[in-house]
Amino acid sequence: AFNKTVAKDNSLAVGFFQRGFVHLQLKMYEEALSDYHMAFTHLRKNPFIDYKQLGLRYVLNAWEVLYSTAAAQCRLGQWQEAKATLEKAVVWRPEGRTAVLDQALEQVQEHMFLEPMQVPPGEFFRPRKKEIEELDSKDFLGKPKVISSIIPNDEYIGFEPLRPQKQGFYEPSADALR
């Protein structure tokens, strides 16, 4: 399902993030690492993406993606890369609250595996009913209408490109002013 999702929207960072978690669970570590890199790339240097507007009550944080990237690197035995990734995650962590990352750095130095972050179980994309009802196509332009000219001396009816303006042509006649 995640393969189909990211095929339809290949810039959906949370799709790559969730597929990376599934790949880790299936012990497909190279694929998980690739997915986490794609998720971080699709964050486009934003500290987070809030998916509430799309119907997923979840905020994907850049530091969580980096933390999970380090978890995949640990599984592949890339301990130095995992340490560097966690140090990068410290920069992305908001407000300097780095206790989780400090503990993770200690685990990596002791060559202990990290558990990856994930979207909380039970959270699904659920667009609001109003948005689903509005998926039908709408005619915003309406039906075409013929509009007559408001220029008093203009006798032309039809469509044509812009005409050069004549001095005094667009001013009302003396009869119209009475």
N, C-alpha and C. Protein backbone atom coordinates (compact mmCIF):
# COMPACT_ATOMS: atom_id res chain seq x y z
N ALA A 1 0.83 -1.19 0.00
CA ALA A 1 0.00 0.00 0.00
C ALA A 1 0.87 1.26 0.00
N PHE A 2 1.98 1.24 0.75
CA PHE A 2 2.85 2.41 0.77
C PHE A 2 3.54 2.59 -0.58
N ASN A 3 3.85 1.48 -1.26
CA ASN A 3 4.44 1.58 -2.60
C ASN A 3 3.49 2.31 -3.54
N LYS A 4 2.21 1.96 -3.49
CA LYS A 4 1.22 2.63 -4.34
C LYS A 4 1.07 4.09 -3.95
N THR A 5 1.13 4.37 -2.66
CA THR A 5 0.97 5.74 -2.17
C THR A 5 2.09 6.63 -2.67
N VAL A 6 3.33 6.19 -2.50
CA VAL A 6 4.45 7.04 -2.92
C VAL A 6 4.59 7.07 -4.44
N ALA A 7 4.02 6.08 -5.13
CA ALA A 7 4.01 6.13 -6.59
C ALA A 7 3.05 7.21 -7.07
N LYS A 8 1.92 7.38 -6.36
CA LYS A 8 0.95 8.40 -6.75
C LYS A 8 1.40 9.80 -6.34
N ASP A 9 2.04 9.91 -5.20
CA ASP A 9 2.54 11.22 -4.74
C ASP A 9 3.96 11.02 -4.25
N ASN A 10 4.91 11.20 -5.17
CA ASN A 10 6.30 10.90 -4.82
C ASN A 10 6.97 11.98 -4.00
N SER A 11 6.23 12.98 -3.55
CA SER A 11 6.81 13.97 -2.64
C SER A 11 6.14 13.92 -1.27
N LEU A 12 5.44 12.84 -0.97
CA LEU A 12 4.76 12.66 0.31
C LEU A 12 5.77 12.12 1.33
N ALA A 13 6.34 13.01 2.09
CA ALA A 13 7.40 12.64 3.03
C ALA A 13 6.93 11.60 4.04
N VAL A 14 5.71 11.75 4.54
CA VAL A 14 5.22 10.81 5.55
C VAL A 14 5.02 9.41 4.96
N GLY A 15 4.74 9.32 3.67
CA GLY A 15 4.62 8.02 3.02
C GLY A 15 5.95 7.28 3.01
N PHE A 16 7.02 7.99 2.68
CA PHE A 16 8.36 7.40 2.72
C PHE A 16 8.75 7.05 4.15
N PHE A 17 8.39 7.92 5.09
CA PHE A 17 8.71 7.69 6.50
C PHE A 17 8.05 6.40 7.00
N GLN A 18 6.76 6.23 6.69
CA GLN A 18 6.05 5.04 7.14
C GLN A 18 6.56 3.79 6.42
N ARG A 19 6.85 3.90 5.12
CA ARG A 19 7.36 2.75 4.39
C ARG A 19 8.74 2.35 4.92
N GLY A 20 9.53 3.35 5.32
CA GLY A 20 10.84 3.05 5.91
C GLY A 20 10.69 2.25 7.20
N PHE A 21 9.71 2.61 8.01
CA PHE A 21 9.46 1.86 9.25
C PHE A 21 9.07 0.42 8.94
N VAL A 22 8.21 0.23 7.95
CA VAL A 22 7.80 -1.12 7.56
C VAL A 22 9.00 -1.91 7.04
N HIS A 23 9.85 -1.27 6.24
CA HIS A 23 11.05 -1.96 5.74
C HIS A 23 11.97 -2.38 6.89
N LEU A 24 12.08 -1.55 7.91
CA LEU A 24 12.89 -1.94 9.08
C LEU A 24 12.29 -3.16 9.77
N GLN A 25 10.97 -3.18 9.90
CA GLN A 25 10.31 -4.31 10.54
C GLN A 25 10.52 -5.60 9.74
N LEU A 26 10.61 -5.46 8.41
CA LEU A 26 10.81 -6.62 7.53
C LEU A 26 12.29 -6.94 7.32
N LYS A 27 13.16 -6.23 8.03
CA LYS A 27 14.62 -6.41 7.96
C LYS A 27 15.17 -6.12 6.57
N MET A 28 14.54 -5.17 5.90
CA MET A 28 15.01 -4.69 4.60
C MET A 28 15.70 -3.35 4.87
N TYR A 29 16.90 -3.42 5.43
CA TYR A 29 17.55 -2.24 5.98
C TYR A 29 17.99 -1.23 4.93
N GLU A 30 18.49 -1.70 3.79
CA GLU A 30 18.91 -0.78 2.73
C GLU A 30 17.72 0.03 2.20
N GLU A 31 16.59 -0.65 2.00
CA GLU A 31 15.38 0.02 1.52
C GLU A 31 14.87 1.02 2.56
N ALA A 32 14.95 0.63 3.84
CA ALA A 32 14.51 1.53 4.91
C ALA A 32 15.38 2.79 4.93
N LEU A 33 16.68 2.61 4.80
CA LEU A 33 17.59 3.76 4.80
C LEU A 33 17.29 4.68 3.61
N SER A 34 17.04 4.09 2.46
CA SER A 34 16.70 4.87 1.27
C SER A 34 15.40 5.65 1.49
N ASP A 35 14.39 5.00 2.08
CA ASP A 35 13.12 5.67 2.33
C ASP A 35 13.27 6.83 3.32
N TYR A 36 14.07 6.63 4.35
CA TYR A 36 14.28 7.71 5.32
C TYR A 36 15.01 8.89 4.67
N HIS A 37 15.96 8.59 3.80
CA HIS A 37 16.64 9.67 3.08
C HIS A 37 15.65 10.42 2.18
N MET A 38 14.76 9.69 1.53
CA MET A 38 13.74 10.32 0.66
C MET A 38 12.78 11.17 1.51
N ALA A 39 12.39 10.67 2.67
CA ALA A 39 11.49 11.42 3.54
C ALA A 39 12.14 12.74 3.96
N PHE A 40 13.41 12.68 4.33
CA PHE A 40 14.11 13.90 4.75
C PHE A 40 14.26 14.86 3.58
N THR A 41 14.53 14.34 2.40
CA THR A 41 14.64 15.18 1.21
C THR A 41 13.33 15.90 0.92
N HIS A 42 12.21 15.18 1.07
CA HIS A 42 10.91 15.74 0.75
C HIS A 42 10.37 16.66 1.85
N LEU A 43 11.07 16.76 2.95
CA LEU A 43 10.72 17.79 3.94
C LEU A 43 11.14 19.17 3.43
N ARG A 44 12.01 19.20 2.43
CA ARG A 44 12.45 20.43 1.77
C ARG A 44 12.98 21.47 2.77
N LYS A 45 13.84 21.02 3.66
CA LYS A 45 14.50 21.88 4.65
C LYS A 45 13.53 22.52 5.63
N ASN A 46 12.33 21.97 5.75
CA ASN A 46 11.38 22.43 6.76
C ASN A 46 11.60 21.63 8.04
N PRO A 47 11.45 22.25 9.22
CA PRO A 47 11.62 21.50 10.46
C PRO A 47 10.51 20.48 10.69
N PHE A 48 9.36 20.70 10.06
CA PHE A 48 8.25 19.74 10.19
C PHE A 48 7.25 19.97 9.07
N ILE A 49 6.38 18.97 8.87
CA ILE A 49 5.23 19.10 7.98
C ILE A 49 4.02 18.63 8.76
N ASP A 50 3.00 19.48 8.81
CA ASP A 50 1.76 19.15 9.51
C ASP A 50 0.78 18.59 8.49
N TYR A 51 0.38 17.35 8.67
CA TYR A 51 -0.51 16.68 7.72
C TYR A 51 -1.98 16.76 8.11
N LYS A 52 -2.31 17.60 9.08
CA LYS A 52 -3.71 17.71 9.51
C LYS A 52 -4.62 18.18 8.39
N GLN A 53 -4.14 19.07 7.54
CA GLN A 53 -4.96 19.56 6.44
C GLN A 53 -5.34 18.45 5.48
N LEU A 54 -4.50 17.43 5.38
CA LEU A 54 -4.80 16.32 4.48
C LEU A 54 -5.62 15.22 5.14
N GLY A 55 -5.83 15.33 6.44
CA GLY A 55 -6.64 14.34 7.12
C GLY A 55 -5.85 13.37 7.98
N LEU A 56 -4.56 13.58 8.16
CA LEU A 56 -3.75 12.74 9.05
C LEU A 56 -3.36 13.58 10.24
N ARG A 57 -3.81 13.18 11.41
CA ARG A 57 -3.50 13.96 12.61
C ARG A 57 -2.09 13.61 13.09
N TYR A 58 -1.11 14.12 12.35
CA TYR A 58 0.29 13.84 12.68
C TYR A 58 1.16 14.94 12.12
N VAL A 59 2.18 15.29 12.87
CA VAL A 59 3.17 16.26 12.43
C VAL A 59 4.49 15.51 12.29
N LEU A 60 5.02 15.45 11.08
CA LEU A 60 6.29 14.78 10.82
C LEU A 60 7.41 15.76 11.04
N ASN A 61 8.28 15.47 12.01
CA ASN A 61 9.40 16.34 12.36
C ASN A 61 10.67 15.85 11.68
N ALA A 62 11.50 16.79 11.28
CA ALA A 62 12.76 16.44 10.61
C ALA A 62 13.67 15.64 11.55
N TRP A 63 13.69 15.98 12.83
CA TRP A 63 14.58 15.26 13.74
C TRP A 63 14.13 13.80 13.91
N GLU A 64 12.81 13.54 13.82
CA GLU A 64 12.32 12.16 13.90
C GLU A 64 12.78 11.34 12.70
N VAL A 65 12.76 11.97 11.53
CA VAL A 65 13.22 11.28 10.32
C VAL A 65 14.71 10.97 10.44
N LEU A 66 15.48 11.93 10.94
CA LEU A 66 16.92 11.70 11.11
C LEU A 66 17.19 10.64 12.17
N TYR A 67 16.40 10.65 13.24
CA TYR A 67 16.55 9.62 14.29
C TYR A 67 16.31 8.24 13.70
N SER A 68 15.25 8.11 12.90
CA SER A 68 14.95 6.82 12.28
C SER A 68 15.99 6.44 11.25
N THR A 69 16.56 7.43 10.57
CA THR A 69 17.66 7.16 9.64
C THR A 69 18.84 6.56 10.40
N ALA A 70 19.13 7.12 11.56
CA ALA A 70 20.22 6.58 12.39
C ALA A 70 19.90 5.16 12.85
N ALA A 71 18.62 4.88 13.13
CA ALA A 71 18.23 3.52 13.53
C ALA A 71 18.51 2.54 12.40
N ALA A 72 18.21 2.94 11.16
CA ALA A 72 18.49 2.07 10.01
C ALA A 72 20.00 1.91 9.82
N GLN A 73 20.75 2.98 10.01
CA GLN A 73 22.20 2.89 9.87
C GLN A 73 22.80 1.97 10.93
N CYS A 74 22.24 1.96 12.13
CA CYS A 74 22.71 1.04 13.18
C CYS A 74 22.51 -0.41 12.76
N ARG A 75 21.36 -0.69 12.17
CA ARG A 75 21.07 -2.06 11.74
C ARG A 75 22.03 -2.51 10.64
N LEU A 76 22.53 -1.55 9.87
CA LEU A 76 23.48 -1.88 8.80
C LEU A 76 24.93 -1.87 9.30
N GLY A 77 25.13 -1.56 10.58
CA GLY A 77 26.47 -1.53 11.14
C GLY A 77 27.23 -0.26 10.81
N GLN A 78 26.53 0.78 10.37
CA GLN A 78 27.17 2.05 10.02
C GLN A 78 27.13 2.97 11.25
N TRP A 79 27.92 2.64 12.25
CA TRP A 79 27.85 3.32 13.54
C TRP A 79 28.32 4.77 13.46
N GLN A 80 29.37 5.04 12.70
CA GLN A 80 29.86 6.42 12.59
C GLN A 80 28.86 7.31 11.86
N GLU A 81 28.25 6.75 10.80
CA GLU A 81 27.22 7.50 10.07
C GLU A 81 26.01 7.77 10.96
N ALA A 82 25.64 6.78 11.78
CA ALA A 82 24.51 6.94 12.70
C ALA A 82 24.79 8.05 13.71
N LYS A 83 26.02 8.09 14.20
CA LYS A 83 26.39 9.13 15.15
C LYS A 83 26.30 10.50 14.49
N ALA A 84 26.81 10.61 13.27
CA ALA A 84 26.76 11.89 12.54
C ALA A 84 25.31 12.30 12.26
N THR A 85 24.48 11.34 11.94
CA THR A 85 23.06 11.64 11.67
C THR A 85 22.36 12.13 12.93
N LEU A 86 22.66 11.52 14.07
CA LEU A 86 22.06 11.96 15.32
C LEU A 86 22.54 13.36 15.71
N GLU A 87 23.80 13.66 15.44
CA GLU A 87 24.31 15.00 15.72
C GLU A 87 23.61 16.03 14.84
N LYS A 88 23.29 15.63 13.61
CA LYS A 88 22.52 16.50 12.72
C LYS A 88 21.09 16.67 13.23
N ALA A 89 20.54 15.61 13.82
CA ALA A 89 19.17 15.66 14.36
C ALA A 89 19.07 16.62 15.54
N VAL A 90 20.16 16.75 16.31
CA VAL A 90 20.16 17.66 17.45
C VAL A 90 19.90 19.09 16.97
N VAL A 91 20.44 19.43 15.81
CA VAL A 91 20.25 20.77 15.26
C VAL A 91 18.78 21.00 14.89
N TRP A 92 18.12 19.95 14.41
CA TRP A 92 16.73 20.06 13.96
C TRP A 92 15.73 19.94 15.10
N ARG A 93 16.18 19.51 16.27
CA ARG A 93 15.28 19.34 17.41
C ARG A 93 14.84 20.71 17.92
N PRO A 94 13.54 20.96 18.06
CA PRO A 94 13.11 22.30 18.47
C PRO A 94 13.43 22.62 19.93
N GLU A 95 13.72 23.87 20.18
CA GLU A 95 13.89 24.43 21.52
C GLU A 95 14.96 23.74 22.35
N GLY A 96 15.90 23.10 21.71
CA GLY A 96 17.02 22.52 22.43
C GLY A 96 16.70 21.33 23.32
N ARG A 97 15.49 20.77 23.21
CA ARG A 97 15.15 19.61 24.04
C ARG A 97 15.75 18.37 23.38
N THR A 98 16.92 18.01 23.81
CA THR A 98 17.66 16.94 23.14
C THR A 98 17.89 15.72 24.03
N ALA A 99 17.13 15.55 25.07
CA ALA A 99 17.37 14.42 25.99
C ALA A 99 17.25 13.09 25.26
N VAL A 100 16.25 12.95 24.39
CA VAL A 100 16.07 11.71 23.64
C VAL A 100 17.26 11.46 22.73
N LEU A 101 17.73 12.52 22.10
CA LEU A 101 18.85 12.38 21.18
C LEU A 101 20.17 12.14 21.91
N ASP A 102 20.33 12.75 23.07
CA ASP A 102 21.54 12.49 23.86
C ASP A 102 21.61 11.03 24.29
N GLN A 103 20.47 10.50 24.70
CA GLN A 103 20.42 9.09 25.07
C GLN A 103 20.70 8.20 23.86
N ALA A 104 20.17 8.58 22.70
CA ALA A 104 20.41 7.81 21.48
C ALA A 104 21.89 7.84 21.10
N LEU A 105 22.54 8.98 21.27
CA LEU A 105 23.98 9.07 20.98
C LEU A 105 24.78 8.13 21.87
N GLU A 106 24.40 8.03 23.13
CA GLU A 106 25.07 7.10 24.05
C GLU A 106 24.87 5.66 23.60
N GLN A 107 23.65 5.33 23.17
CA GLN A 107 23.37 3.97 22.70
C GLN A 107 24.20 3.64 21.46
N VAL A 108 24.33 4.59 20.55
CA VAL A 108 25.11 4.35 19.33
C VAL A 108 26.58 4.17 19.68
N GLN A 109 27.09 4.93 20.62
CA GLN A 109 28.49 4.78 21.01
C GLN A 109 28.76 3.42 21.66
N GLU A 110 27.72 2.86 22.29
CA GLU A 110 27.85 1.53 22.89
C GLU A 110 27.42 0.43 21.93
N HIS A 111 27.19 0.79 20.65
CA HIS A 111 26.77 -0.14 19.60
C HIS A 111 25.48 -0.87 19.94
N MET A 112 24.52 -0.13 20.45
CA MET A 112 23.20 -0.67 20.72
C MET A 112 22.23 -0.13 19.67
N PHE A 113 21.32 -0.99 19.21
CA PHE A 113 20.36 -0.58 18.19
C PHE A 113 19.36 0.43 18.74
N LEU A 114 18.92 1.32 17.87
CA LEU A 114 17.88 2.28 18.20
C LEU A 114 16.55 1.79 17.66
N GLU A 115 15.49 2.08 18.37
CA GLU A 115 14.15 1.79 17.87
C GLU A 115 13.68 2.99 17.05
N PRO A 116 13.24 2.77 15.83
CA PRO A 116 12.86 3.90 14.98
C PRO A 116 11.57 4.56 15.45
N MET A 117 11.41 5.81 15.09
CA MET A 117 10.16 6.54 15.34
C MET A 117 9.12 6.06 14.33
N GLN A 118 7.86 6.25 14.68
CA GLN A 118 6.81 5.86 13.74
C GLN A 118 5.57 6.73 13.96
N VAL A 119 4.70 6.73 12.96
CA VAL A 119 3.40 7.38 13.11
C VAL A 119 2.64 6.54 14.13
N PRO A 120 1.98 7.15 15.10
CA PRO A 120 1.28 6.36 16.12
C PRO A 120 0.32 5.35 15.48
N PRO A 121 0.29 4.13 15.99
CA PRO A 121 -0.62 3.12 15.44
C PRO A 121 -2.07 3.61 15.53
N GLY A 122 -2.83 3.32 14.51
CA GLY A 122 -4.23 3.72 14.48
C GLY A 122 -4.48 5.05 13.81
N GLU A 123 -3.43 5.79 13.44
CA GLU A 123 -3.60 7.05 12.75
C GLU A 123 -3.63 6.78 11.24
N PHE A 124 -4.69 7.20 10.59
CA PHE A 124 -4.85 7.01 9.16
C PHE A 124 -5.24 8.31 8.51
N PHE A 125 -5.01 8.38 7.20
CA PHE A 125 -5.52 9.52 6.45
C PHE A 125 -7.03 9.42 6.41
N ARG A 126 -7.68 10.41 6.96
CA ARG A 126 -9.14 10.47 6.93
C ARG A 126 -9.55 11.88 6.55
N PRO A 127 -9.72 12.12 5.26
CA PRO A 127 -10.15 13.46 4.86
C PRO A 127 -11.52 13.78 5.44
N ARG A 128 -11.76 15.06 5.71
CA ARG A 128 -13.05 15.47 6.24
C ARG A 128 -14.15 15.21 5.22
N LYS A 129 -15.36 14.93 5.72
CA LYS A 129 -16.49 14.62 4.83
C LYS A 129 -16.76 15.76 3.86
N LYS A 130 -16.60 16.97 4.34
CA LYS A 130 -16.84 18.13 3.50
C LYS A 130 -15.92 18.12 2.28
N GLU A 131 -14.66 17.74 2.49
CA GLU A 131 -13.70 17.70 1.38
C GLU A 131 -14.03 16.60 0.40
N ILE A 132 -14.52 15.47 0.90
CA ILE A 132 -14.87 14.36 0.01
C ILE A 132 -16.09 14.71 -0.83
N GLU A 133 -17.06 15.40 -0.22
CA GLU A 133 -18.26 15.79 -0.95
C GLU A 133 -17.94 16.78 -2.05
N GLU A 134 -16.89 17.55 -1.87
CA GLU A 134 -16.54 18.57 -2.86
C GLU A 134 -15.61 18.05 -3.94
N LEU A 135 -15.44 16.73 -4.04
CA LEU A 135 -14.58 16.19 -5.07
C LEU A 135 -15.23 16.19 -6.45
N ASP A 136 -16.57 16.35 -6.51
CA ASP A 136 -17.24 16.42 -7.78
C ASP A 136 -16.79 17.67 -8.51
N SER A 137 -16.71 17.56 -9.84
CA SER A 137 -16.27 18.72 -10.60
C SER A 137 -17.34 19.79 -10.57
N LYS A 138 -16.88 21.02 -10.54
CA LYS A 138 -17.78 22.16 -10.49
C LYS A 138 -17.47 23.09 -11.65
N ASP A 139 -18.51 23.76 -12.13
CA ASP A 139 -18.34 24.75 -13.17
C ASP A 139 -18.27 26.12 -12.51
N PHE A 140 -17.05 26.59 -12.27
CA PHE A 140 -16.87 27.86 -11.59
C PHE A 140 -17.10 29.05 -12.51
N LEU A 141 -16.97 28.85 -13.82
CA LEU A 141 -17.14 29.95 -14.75
C LEU A 141 -18.60 30.21 -15.09
N GLY A 142 -19.45 29.22 -14.96
CA GLY A 142 -20.85 29.40 -15.30
C GLY A 142 -21.06 29.33 -16.80
N LYS A 143 -22.29 29.63 -17.21
CA LYS A 143 -22.62 29.59 -18.62
C LYS A 143 -22.22 30.92 -19.27
N PRO A 144 -21.83 30.86 -20.54
CA PRO A 144 -21.43 32.12 -21.20
C PRO A 144 -22.63 33.04 -21.39
N LYS A 145 -22.38 34.33 -21.29
CA LYS A 145 -23.42 35.35 -21.43
C LYS A 145 -22.98 36.37 -22.47
N VAL A 146 -23.95 36.91 -23.20
CA VAL A 146 -23.66 37.99 -24.13
C VAL A 146 -23.89 39.29 -23.39
N ILE A 147 -22.89 40.12 -23.37
CA ILE A 147 -22.97 41.39 -22.66
C ILE A 147 -22.89 42.50 -23.70
N SER A 148 -23.83 43.39 -23.68
CA SER A 148 -23.81 44.49 -24.64
C SER A 148 -22.84 45.56 -24.16
N SER A 149 -22.43 46.38 -25.04
CA SER A 149 -21.48 47.43 -24.73
C SER A 149 -22.13 48.53 -23.91
N ILE A 150 -21.37 49.11 -23.01
CA ILE A 150 -21.87 50.24 -22.23
C ILE A 150 -21.42 51.56 -22.83
N ILE A 151 -20.73 51.47 -23.93
CA ILE A 151 -20.27 52.68 -24.61
C ILE A 151 -21.43 53.20 -25.46
N PRO A 152 -21.87 54.44 -25.27
CA PRO A 152 -23.08 54.94 -25.92
C PRO A 152 -23.03 54.93 -27.44
N ASN A 153 -21.92 55.25 -28.07
CA ASN A 153 -21.85 55.36 -29.52
C ASN A 153 -21.39 54.07 -30.19
N ASP A 154 -21.19 53.01 -29.43
CA ASP A 154 -20.68 51.76 -29.97
C ASP A 154 -21.84 50.95 -30.52
N GLU A 155 -21.83 50.70 -31.82
CA GLU A 155 -22.91 49.94 -32.45
C GLU A 155 -22.48 48.52 -32.76
N TYR A 156 -21.23 48.17 -32.50
CA TYR A 156 -20.74 46.84 -32.87
C TYR A 156 -21.21 45.81 -31.85
N ILE A 157 -21.70 44.67 -32.34
CA ILE A 157 -22.08 43.56 -31.48
C ILE A 157 -21.28 42.35 -31.95
N GLY A 158 -20.57 41.72 -31.07
CA GLY A 158 -19.78 40.55 -31.44
C GLY A 158 -18.46 40.54 -30.68
N PHE A 159 -17.56 39.70 -31.17
CA PHE A 159 -16.27 39.56 -30.52
C PHE A 159 -15.18 39.95 -31.50
N GLU A 160 -14.24 40.68 -31.04
CA GLU A 160 -13.12 41.07 -31.87
C GLU A 160 -11.97 41.48 -30.95
N PRO A 161 -10.78 41.57 -31.48
CA PRO A 161 -9.67 42.04 -30.66
C PRO A 161 -9.87 43.50 -30.30
N LEU A 162 -9.06 43.99 -29.41
CA LEU A 162 -9.15 45.38 -28.99
C LEU A 162 -9.00 46.33 -30.19
N ARG A 163 -9.83 47.34 -30.20
CA ARG A 163 -9.77 48.33 -31.27
C ARG A 163 -9.04 49.57 -30.76
N PRO A 164 -8.40 50.30 -31.65
CA PRO A 164 -7.78 51.55 -31.21
C PRO A 164 -8.85 52.54 -30.77
N GLN A 165 -8.59 53.26 -29.74
CA GLN A 165 -9.56 54.20 -29.21
C GLN A 165 -9.50 55.52 -29.98
N LYS A 166 -10.69 56.08 -30.26
CA LYS A 166 -10.78 57.35 -30.97
C LYS A 166 -11.13 58.44 -29.97
N GLN A 167 -10.55 59.59 -30.15
CA GLN A 167 -10.80 60.73 -29.28
C GLN A 167 -12.28 61.13 -29.36
N GLY A 168 -12.96 61.21 -28.23
CA GLY A 168 -14.34 61.64 -28.17
C GLY A 168 -15.36 60.57 -28.51
N PHE A 169 -14.92 59.42 -29.02
CA PHE A 169 -15.85 58.36 -29.40
C PHE A 169 -16.56 57.76 -28.20
N TYR A 170 -15.88 57.69 -27.07
CA TYR A 170 -16.42 57.00 -25.90
C TYR A 170 -17.16 57.94 -24.95
N GLU A 171 -17.32 59.19 -25.32
CA GLU A 171 -18.04 60.12 -24.48
C GLU A 171 -19.51 60.14 -24.90
N PRO A 172 -20.43 60.28 -23.94
CA PRO A 172 -21.84 60.25 -24.31
C PRO A 172 -22.21 61.43 -25.21
N SER A 173 -23.18 61.18 -26.06
CA SER A 173 -23.64 62.24 -26.96
C SER A 173 -24.47 63.25 -26.18
N ALA A 174 -24.74 64.41 -26.80
CA ALA A 174 -25.51 65.46 -26.14
C ALA A 174 -26.92 65.00 -25.85
N ASP A 175 -27.49 64.16 -26.73
CA ASP A 175 -28.85 63.63 -26.51
C ASP A 175 -28.87 62.73 -25.28
N ALA A 176 -27.85 61.94 -25.10
CA ALA A 176 -27.81 61.01 -23.96
C ALA A 176 -27.68 61.75 -22.63
N LEU A 177 -27.04 62.93 -22.68
CA LEU A 177 -26.86 63.68 -21.44
C LEU A 177 -28.17 64.30 -20.95
N ARG A 178 -29.12 64.59 -21.89
CA ARG A 178 -30.41 65.15 -21.49
C ARG A 178 -31.21 64.09 -20.86
